[in-house]
Amino acid sequence: TLVLQAYPGGPIRSVPRGLYDRLLAHIQARIPHLVCGVKYTAEQLCTSAIWDEIDEADHTTAGRCIAIMVNRGELPLLAAGKNSSNACLYKVP
């Protein structure tokens, strides 16, 4: 289990290390295939290969992990606002 803080003073989250590492490796491998200027949700970044395999309750955790990865610079993506469902969006710089 990892204990993560997305930003100084932000909430502290406990995240299963296996899930975090799996998401990171999967999304890092997808980065070269993403289109510049297109905004992606966590689900789109994960693809069904990961998203459909994790419990629905872990979808929120996966989204938080991705936000932390982007904020820490582990993923070369930029935050790009939120969609109408309030899901965070990301784009390739």
Protein backbone atom coordinates (compact mmCIF):
# COMPACT_ATOMS: atom_id res chain seq x y z
CA THR A 1 0.00 0.00 0.00
CA LEU A 2 1.21 3.47 -0.89
CA VAL A 3 0.30 6.57 1.07
CA LEU A 4 0.16 9.47 -1.36
CA GLN A 5 -0.44 13.19 -1.26
CA ALA A 6 -1.27 14.79 -4.60
CA TYR A 7 -0.06 18.26 -3.60
CA PRO A 8 1.32 19.92 -0.45
CA GLY A 9 -1.48 20.32 2.05
CA GLY A 10 -3.76 18.08 -0.01
CA PRO A 11 -5.58 15.02 1.24
CA ILE A 12 -3.56 11.89 1.94
CA ARG A 13 -4.72 8.76 0.12
CA SER A 14 -3.95 5.12 0.71
CA VAL A 15 -3.62 3.31 -2.61
CA PRO A 16 -2.81 -0.32 -3.37
CA ARG A 17 0.75 -0.35 -4.75
CA GLY A 18 -0.08 -2.99 -7.35
CA LEU A 19 -2.89 -0.88 -8.81
CA TYR A 20 -0.74 2.26 -8.85
CA ASP A 21 2.20 0.54 -10.56
CA ARG A 22 -0.04 -1.20 -13.09
CA LEU A 23 -1.81 2.04 -14.04
CA LEU A 24 1.48 3.91 -14.34
CA ALA A 25 3.10 1.31 -16.61
CA HIS A 26 0.00 0.97 -18.79
CA ILE A 27 -0.50 4.70 -19.31
CA GLN A 28 3.23 5.36 -19.85
CA ALA A 29 3.15 2.79 -22.67
CA ARG A 30 0.13 4.55 -24.22
CA ILE A 31 1.59 8.08 -24.18
CA PRO A 32 3.29 7.80 -27.62
CA HIS A 33 -0.07 6.80 -29.14
CA LEU A 34 -2.11 9.68 -27.69
CA VAL A 35 -3.09 12.54 -29.98
CA CYS A 36 -1.93 16.06 -29.08
CA GLY A 37 -4.81 18.40 -28.34
CA VAL A 38 -7.28 15.60 -27.53
CA LYS A 39 -8.59 15.49 -23.97
CA TYR A 40 -8.70 12.09 -22.27
CA THR A 41 -10.54 10.83 -19.20
CA ALA A 42 -8.97 8.35 -16.79
CA GLU A 43 -11.08 5.62 -18.36
CA GLN A 44 -9.79 6.48 -21.84
CA LEU A 45 -6.19 6.56 -20.62
CA CYS A 46 -6.59 3.17 -18.98
CA THR A 47 -8.49 1.62 -21.90
CA SER A 48 -10.84 -1.26 -21.31
CA ALA A 49 -7.80 -3.50 -20.79
CA ILE A 50 -7.42 -2.07 -17.28
CA TRP A 51 -10.71 -0.26 -16.61
CA ASP A 52 -12.92 -3.32 -17.08
CA GLU A 53 -10.66 -5.50 -14.92
CA ILE A 54 -10.69 -3.32 -11.81
CA ASP A 55 -13.64 -3.20 -9.46
CA GLU A 56 -16.07 -0.38 -10.08
CA ALA A 57 -15.26 0.92 -6.59
CA ASP A 58 -11.62 1.26 -7.70
CA HIS A 59 -12.47 3.50 -10.66
CA THR A 60 -12.39 6.53 -8.37
CA THR A 61 -9.11 5.33 -6.87
CA ALA A 62 -7.67 4.90 -10.37
CA GLY A 63 -8.72 8.45 -11.25
CA ARG A 64 -7.06 9.78 -8.10
CA CYS A 65 -3.89 7.81 -8.87
CA ILE A 66 -3.71 9.33 -12.36
CA ALA A 67 -4.20 12.83 -10.95
CA ILE A 68 -1.34 12.21 -8.51
CA MET A 69 0.89 10.78 -11.27
CA VAL A 70 0.31 13.85 -13.43
CA ASN A 71 0.86 16.25 -10.54
CA ARG A 72 4.10 14.50 -9.55
CA GLY A 73 5.39 14.47 -13.14
CA GLU A 74 5.32 10.68 -13.39
CA LEU A 75 3.13 10.97 -16.48
CA PRO A 76 3.96 13.58 -19.14
CA LEU A 77 0.39 14.85 -19.32
CA LEU A 78 -1.31 18.13 -18.46
CA ALA A 79 -4.55 18.60 -16.57
CA ALA A 80 -7.17 19.80 -19.05
CA GLY A 81 -10.18 20.64 -16.90
CA LYS A 82 -13.21 18.44 -16.33
CA ASN A 83 -15.98 17.06 -18.50
CA SER A 84 -19.72 17.43 -17.95
CA SER A 85 -19.65 14.40 -15.61
CA ASN A 86 -16.99 16.14 -13.49
CA ALA A 87 -14.31 13.64 -14.54
CA CYS A 88 -10.80 15.08 -14.80
CA LEU A 89 -9.40 15.42 -18.30
CA TYR A 90 -5.77 15.17 -19.41
CA LYS A 91 -3.91 16.01 -22.59
CA VAL A 92 -0.46 15.56 -24.10
CA PRO A 93 1.51 18.82 -23.93
